[in-house]
């Protein structure tokens, strides 16, 4: 996205560190994964000045809303459980499909 160079570079750094740490620590049976949510429905999401970003995300996310804290926590819980014992070096998006692309409604609105 335009104007988000610092944010984008820090996110890519997290992904690189996640994969490198997974490689380095795997032999010790330490798994390293990253949870990557979009905006989360907390008071901070509604902070002054963030309204345009929040409106854009709600419209652009294919599920039409931002994440609930419980949804992000569920992914963290899964990664901490034995159910994910063979998941290592992964970046798991909790983004309502946003990383796949913008919603059809948002696309149609832009096309008008």
N, C-alpha and C. Protein backbone atom coordinates (compact mmCIF):
# COMPACT_ATOMS: atom_id res chain seq x y z
N UNK A 1 0.84 -1.18 0.00
CA UNK A 1 0.00 0.00 0.00
C UNK A 1 0.88 1.25 0.00
N UNK A 2 0.47 2.28 -0.67
CA UNK A 2 1.27 3.50 -0.69
C UNK A 2 1.40 4.12 0.70
N UNK A 3 2.51 4.77 0.92
CA UNK A 3 2.80 5.53 2.15
C UNK A 3 3.00 4.66 3.39
N UNK A 4 3.14 3.38 3.21
CA UNK A 4 3.33 2.50 4.36
C UNK A 4 4.66 1.75 4.29
N UNK A 5 5.67 2.41 3.74
CA UNK A 5 6.99 1.78 3.57
C UNK A 5 7.59 1.28 4.88
N UNK A 6 7.52 2.09 5.93
CA UNK A 6 8.09 1.66 7.21
C UNK A 6 7.34 0.47 7.77
N UNK A 7 6.02 0.50 7.67
CA UNK A 7 5.22 -0.62 8.15
C UNK A 7 5.51 -1.88 7.34
N UNK A 8 5.54 -1.74 6.03
CA UNK A 8 5.79 -2.91 5.16
C UNK A 8 7.16 -3.52 5.43
N UNK A 9 8.17 -2.68 5.57
CA UNK A 9 9.51 -3.22 5.80
C UNK A 9 9.61 -3.92 7.15
N UNK A 10 8.92 -3.40 8.16
CA UNK A 10 8.96 -4.05 9.47
C UNK A 10 8.20 -5.38 9.44
N UNK A 11 7.11 -5.44 8.68
CA UNK A 11 6.36 -6.70 8.56
C UNK A 11 7.19 -7.76 7.84
N UNK A 12 7.87 -7.38 6.76
CA UNK A 12 8.72 -8.32 6.05
C UNK A 12 9.88 -8.78 6.94
N UNK A 13 10.39 -7.89 7.78
CA UNK A 13 11.45 -8.28 8.70
C UNK A 13 10.97 -9.36 9.67
N UNK A 14 9.76 -9.20 10.18
CA UNK A 14 9.20 -10.21 11.09
C UNK A 14 9.10 -11.56 10.38
N UNK A 15 8.68 -11.57 9.14
CA UNK A 15 8.56 -12.83 8.40
C UNK A 15 9.93 -13.47 8.20
N UNK A 16 10.93 -12.68 7.87
CA UNK A 16 12.28 -13.20 7.70
C UNK A 16 12.86 -13.74 9.00
N UNK A 17 12.67 -13.01 10.07
CA UNK A 17 13.16 -13.46 11.37
C UNK A 17 12.44 -14.74 11.79
N UNK A 18 11.14 -14.83 11.52
CA UNK A 18 10.37 -16.02 11.85
C UNK A 18 10.94 -17.24 11.13
N UNK A 19 11.18 -17.12 9.85
CA UNK A 19 11.70 -18.26 9.10
C UNK A 19 13.11 -18.62 9.52
N UNK A 20 13.96 -17.62 9.72
CA UNK A 20 15.33 -17.89 10.14
C UNK A 20 15.37 -18.55 11.51
N UNK A 21 14.59 -18.03 12.45
CA UNK A 21 14.56 -18.62 13.80
C UNK A 21 14.01 -20.05 13.75
N UNK A 22 13.03 -20.30 12.89
CA UNK A 22 12.49 -21.66 12.75
C UNK A 22 13.58 -22.62 12.28
N UNK A 23 14.41 -22.17 11.34
CA UNK A 23 15.52 -23.00 10.87
C UNK A 23 16.57 -23.23 11.95
N UNK A 24 16.91 -22.17 12.65
CA UNK A 24 17.97 -22.26 13.66
C UNK A 24 17.54 -23.04 14.90
N UNK A 25 16.27 -22.98 15.26
CA UNK A 25 15.82 -23.58 16.51
C UNK A 25 15.09 -24.90 16.33
N UNK A 26 14.81 -25.26 15.10
CA UNK A 26 14.07 -26.50 14.84
C UNK A 26 14.74 -27.74 15.40
N UNK A 27 16.07 -27.80 15.34
CA UNK A 27 16.77 -28.98 15.85
C UNK A 27 16.62 -29.12 17.37
N UNK A 28 16.22 -28.05 18.02
CA UNK A 28 15.99 -28.08 19.47
C UNK A 28 14.50 -28.27 19.77
N UNK A 29 13.73 -28.59 18.73
CA UNK A 29 12.28 -28.80 18.85
C UNK A 29 11.54 -27.53 19.31
N UNK A 30 12.12 -26.38 18.96
CA UNK A 30 11.46 -25.10 19.23
C UNK A 30 10.86 -24.63 17.92
N UNK A 31 9.56 -24.42 17.93
CA UNK A 31 8.86 -23.96 16.74
C UNK A 31 8.68 -22.45 16.81
N UNK A 32 8.79 -21.81 15.65
CA UNK A 32 8.63 -20.36 15.57
C UNK A 32 7.67 -20.05 14.43
N UNK A 33 6.60 -19.36 14.76
CA UNK A 33 5.60 -18.97 13.78
C UNK A 33 5.18 -17.53 14.04
N UNK A 34 4.60 -16.91 13.04
CA UNK A 34 4.14 -15.53 13.19
C UNK A 34 2.63 -15.48 12.97
N UNK A 35 1.94 -14.72 13.80
CA UNK A 35 0.52 -14.46 13.64
C UNK A 35 0.40 -13.05 13.09
N UNK A 36 -0.29 -12.92 11.95
CA UNK A 36 -0.33 -11.66 11.22
C UNK A 36 -1.76 -11.18 11.02
N UNK A 37 -2.31 -10.48 12.01
CA UNK A 37 -3.68 -9.98 11.85
C UNK A 37 -3.71 -8.64 11.13
N UNK A 38 -4.88 -8.33 10.58
CA UNK A 38 -5.13 -6.97 10.15
C UNK A 38 -5.56 -6.21 11.40
N UNK A 39 -6.26 -5.13 11.26
CA UNK A 39 -6.73 -4.40 12.44
C UNK A 39 -7.61 -5.32 13.29
N UNK A 40 -7.54 -5.11 14.59
CA UNK A 40 -8.31 -5.91 15.54
C UNK A 40 -9.29 -4.99 16.26
N UNK A 41 -10.49 -5.47 16.46
CA UNK A 41 -11.57 -4.67 17.04
C UNK A 41 -11.33 -4.44 18.54
N UNK A 42 -10.45 -3.52 18.82
CA UNK A 42 -10.13 -3.09 20.19
C UNK A 42 -10.26 -1.57 20.25
N UNK A 43 -10.27 -0.98 21.42
CA UNK A 43 -10.36 0.48 21.49
C UNK A 43 -9.27 1.19 20.67
N UNK A 44 -8.09 0.61 20.57
CA UNK A 44 -6.99 1.23 19.82
C UNK A 44 -7.34 1.37 18.33
N UNK A 45 -8.12 0.45 17.81
CA UNK A 45 -8.50 0.51 16.39
C UNK A 45 -9.32 1.76 16.08
N UNK A 46 -9.95 2.32 17.10
CA UNK A 46 -10.83 3.48 16.91
C UNK A 46 -10.17 4.78 17.37
N UNK A 47 -8.86 4.75 17.54
CA UNK A 47 -8.13 5.94 17.99
C UNK A 47 -8.31 7.09 17.00
N UNK A 48 -8.26 8.27 17.51
CA UNK A 48 -8.43 9.47 16.70
C UNK A 48 -7.43 9.48 15.55
N UNK A 49 -7.92 9.76 14.38
CA UNK A 49 -7.07 9.83 13.19
C UNK A 49 -7.03 8.53 12.40
N UNK A 50 -7.47 7.44 12.99
CA UNK A 50 -7.42 6.16 12.31
C UNK A 50 -8.70 5.78 11.59
N UNK A 51 -9.70 6.65 11.67
CA UNK A 51 -11.00 6.32 11.08
C UNK A 51 -10.94 6.00 9.59
N UNK A 52 -10.21 6.77 8.76
CA UNK A 52 -10.17 6.45 7.33
C UNK A 52 -9.58 5.05 7.06
N UNK A 53 -8.52 4.70 7.77
CA UNK A 53 -7.90 3.38 7.60
C UNK A 53 -8.88 2.28 8.00
N UNK A 54 -9.58 2.49 9.10
CA UNK A 54 -10.54 1.49 9.59
C UNK A 54 -11.70 1.32 8.61
N UNK A 55 -12.21 2.42 8.08
CA UNK A 55 -13.30 2.34 7.09
C UNK A 55 -12.84 1.58 5.85
N UNK A 56 -11.62 1.89 5.40
CA UNK A 56 -11.07 1.23 4.22
C UNK A 56 -10.93 -0.27 4.47
N UNK A 57 -10.40 -0.64 5.62
CA UNK A 57 -10.21 -2.07 5.91
C UNK A 57 -11.55 -2.80 5.98
N UNK A 58 -12.51 -2.21 6.66
CA UNK A 58 -13.81 -2.87 6.77
C UNK A 58 -14.44 -3.09 5.40
N UNK A 59 -14.22 -2.16 4.49
CA UNK A 59 -14.78 -2.28 3.15
C UNK A 59 -13.96 -3.23 2.29
N UNK A 60 -12.63 -3.21 2.43
CA UNK A 60 -11.76 -3.98 1.55
C UNK A 60 -11.61 -5.44 1.95
N UNK A 61 -11.72 -5.76 3.23
CA UNK A 61 -11.57 -7.14 3.70
C UNK A 61 -12.74 -7.97 3.15
N UNK A 62 -12.46 -9.08 2.48
CA UNK A 62 -13.54 -9.89 1.91
C UNK A 62 -14.63 -10.29 2.91
N UNK A 63 -14.30 -10.48 4.17
CA UNK A 63 -15.33 -10.80 5.16
C UNK A 63 -16.08 -9.58 5.66
N UNK A 64 -15.65 -8.37 5.24
CA UNK A 64 -16.40 -7.15 5.52
C UNK A 64 -16.29 -6.61 6.93
N UNK A 65 -15.25 -6.99 7.65
CA UNK A 65 -15.08 -6.50 9.02
C UNK A 65 -13.63 -6.71 9.43
N UNK A 66 -13.27 -6.19 10.60
CA UNK A 66 -11.93 -6.43 11.13
C UNK A 66 -12.01 -7.60 12.12
N UNK A 67 -10.87 -8.08 12.53
CA UNK A 67 -10.79 -9.25 13.40
C UNK A 67 -11.26 -8.94 14.81
N UNK A 68 -11.85 -9.93 15.44
CA UNK A 68 -12.17 -9.85 16.86
C UNK A 68 -10.96 -10.36 17.64
N UNK A 69 -10.70 -9.82 18.84
CA UNK A 69 -9.56 -10.28 19.62
C UNK A 69 -9.57 -11.80 19.82
N UNK A 70 -10.77 -12.36 20.02
CA UNK A 70 -10.89 -13.80 20.25
C UNK A 70 -10.43 -14.62 19.05
N UNK A 71 -10.58 -14.07 17.85
CA UNK A 71 -10.17 -14.78 16.64
C UNK A 71 -8.66 -14.85 16.54
N UNK A 72 -7.99 -13.77 16.91
CA UNK A 72 -6.53 -13.78 16.92
C UNK A 72 -6.03 -14.70 18.03
N UNK A 73 -6.65 -14.63 19.19
CA UNK A 73 -6.27 -15.48 20.32
C UNK A 73 -6.43 -16.96 19.97
N UNK A 74 -7.45 -17.30 19.20
CA UNK A 74 -7.67 -18.70 18.82
C UNK A 74 -6.52 -19.24 17.98
N UNK A 75 -5.97 -18.42 17.12
CA UNK A 75 -4.82 -18.83 16.30
C UNK A 75 -3.59 -19.03 17.20
N UNK A 76 -3.39 -18.11 18.12
CA UNK A 76 -2.27 -18.23 19.06
C UNK A 76 -2.44 -19.50 19.90
N UNK A 77 -3.65 -19.76 20.35
CA UNK A 77 -3.93 -20.97 21.14
C UNK A 77 -3.61 -22.22 20.33
N UNK A 78 -4.03 -22.24 19.07
CA UNK A 78 -3.72 -23.37 18.20
C UNK A 78 -2.21 -23.58 18.09
N UNK A 79 -1.47 -22.49 17.85
CA UNK A 79 -0.02 -22.61 17.69
C UNK A 79 0.67 -23.06 18.97
N UNK A 80 0.08 -22.77 20.11
CA UNK A 80 0.66 -23.19 21.39
C UNK A 80 0.27 -24.62 21.76
N UNK A 81 -0.64 -25.21 21.01
CA UNK A 81 -1.14 -26.54 21.35
C UNK A 81 -0.37 -27.62 20.58
N UNK A 82 -0.57 -28.85 21.01
CA UNK A 82 0.03 -29.99 20.32
C UNK A 82 -0.58 -30.20 18.93
N UNK A 83 -1.76 -29.64 18.70
CA UNK A 83 -2.39 -29.78 17.38
C UNK A 83 -1.54 -29.17 16.27
N UNK A 84 -0.64 -28.27 16.63
CA UNK A 84 0.21 -27.61 15.63
C UNK A 84 1.66 -28.07 15.74
N UNK A 85 1.87 -29.26 16.25
CA UNK A 85 3.24 -29.72 16.55
C UNK A 85 4.15 -29.79 15.32
N UNK A 86 3.60 -29.80 14.12
CA UNK A 86 4.44 -29.85 12.93
C UNK A 86 4.34 -28.56 12.12
N UNK A 87 3.85 -27.50 12.74
CA UNK A 87 3.77 -26.19 12.09
C UNK A 87 4.97 -25.38 12.56
N UNK A 88 5.83 -25.00 11.63
CA UNK A 88 7.06 -24.29 11.99
C UNK A 88 7.47 -23.38 10.84
N UNK A 89 7.85 -22.16 11.18
CA UNK A 89 8.33 -21.22 10.17
C UNK A 89 7.23 -20.61 9.33
N UNK A 90 6.01 -20.61 9.84
CA UNK A 90 4.87 -20.14 9.07
C UNK A 90 4.39 -18.77 9.54
N UNK A 91 3.81 -18.06 8.60
CA UNK A 91 3.16 -16.78 8.89
C UNK A 91 1.68 -17.00 8.64
N UNK A 92 0.89 -16.89 9.68
CA UNK A 92 -0.53 -17.18 9.57
C UNK A 92 -1.31 -15.87 9.60
N UNK A 93 -1.94 -15.57 8.49
CA UNK A 93 -2.74 -14.36 8.39
C UNK A 93 -4.09 -14.55 9.07
N UNK A 94 -4.44 -13.61 9.90
CA UNK A 94 -5.77 -13.56 10.51
C UNK A 94 -6.37 -12.25 9.99
N UNK A 95 -6.77 -12.30 8.72
CA UNK A 95 -7.08 -11.06 8.02
C UNK A 95 -8.36 -11.09 7.21
N UNK A 96 -9.20 -12.08 7.44
CA UNK A 96 -10.48 -12.13 6.74
C UNK A 96 -10.36 -12.24 5.23
N UNK A 97 -9.22 -12.68 4.75
CA UNK A 97 -9.00 -12.82 3.31
C UNK A 97 -8.33 -11.62 2.66
N UNK A 98 -7.97 -10.61 3.45
CA UNK A 98 -7.40 -9.38 2.90
C UNK A 98 -6.10 -9.63 2.14
N UNK A 99 -5.28 -10.57 2.62
CA UNK A 99 -4.02 -10.84 1.92
C UNK A 99 -4.25 -11.49 0.55
N UNK A 100 -5.44 -12.06 0.34
CA UNK A 100 -5.78 -12.64 -0.97
C UNK A 100 -6.20 -11.56 -1.97
N UNK A 101 -6.65 -10.43 -1.45
CA UNK A 101 -7.08 -9.34 -2.32
C UNK A 101 -8.26 -8.61 -1.70
N UNK A 102 -8.65 -7.53 -2.33
CA UNK A 102 -9.76 -6.74 -1.78
C UNK A 102 -11.10 -7.39 -2.11
N UNK A 103 -12.10 -7.04 -1.32
CA UNK A 103 -13.43 -7.59 -1.52
C UNK A 103 -13.99 -7.19 -2.88
N UNK A 104 -14.93 -7.96 -3.37
CA UNK A 104 -15.58 -7.64 -4.64
C UNK A 104 -16.30 -6.30 -4.55
N UNK A 105 -16.94 -6.03 -3.41
CA UNK A 105 -17.64 -4.75 -3.24
C UNK A 105 -16.67 -3.57 -3.36
N UNK A 106 -15.50 -3.68 -2.70
CA UNK A 106 -14.52 -2.61 -2.77
C UNK A 106 -14.00 -2.45 -4.19
N UNK A 107 -13.75 -3.56 -4.85
CA UNK A 107 -13.27 -3.51 -6.23
C UNK A 107 -14.30 -2.84 -7.13
N UNK A 108 -15.56 -3.24 -7.01
CA UNK A 108 -16.62 -2.64 -7.83
C UNK A 108 -16.78 -1.14 -7.55
N UNK A 109 -16.63 -0.76 -6.30
CA UNK A 109 -16.73 0.65 -5.96
C UNK A 109 -15.59 1.46 -6.60
N UNK A 110 -14.39 0.90 -6.59
CA UNK A 110 -13.26 1.58 -7.23
C UNK A 110 -13.42 1.65 -8.75
N UNK A 111 -14.07 0.65 -9.31
CA UNK A 111 -14.22 0.60 -10.77
C UNK A 111 -15.23 1.62 -11.30
N UNK A 112 -16.07 2.15 -10.43
CA UNK A 112 -17.10 3.10 -10.86
C UNK A 112 -16.53 4.46 -11.16
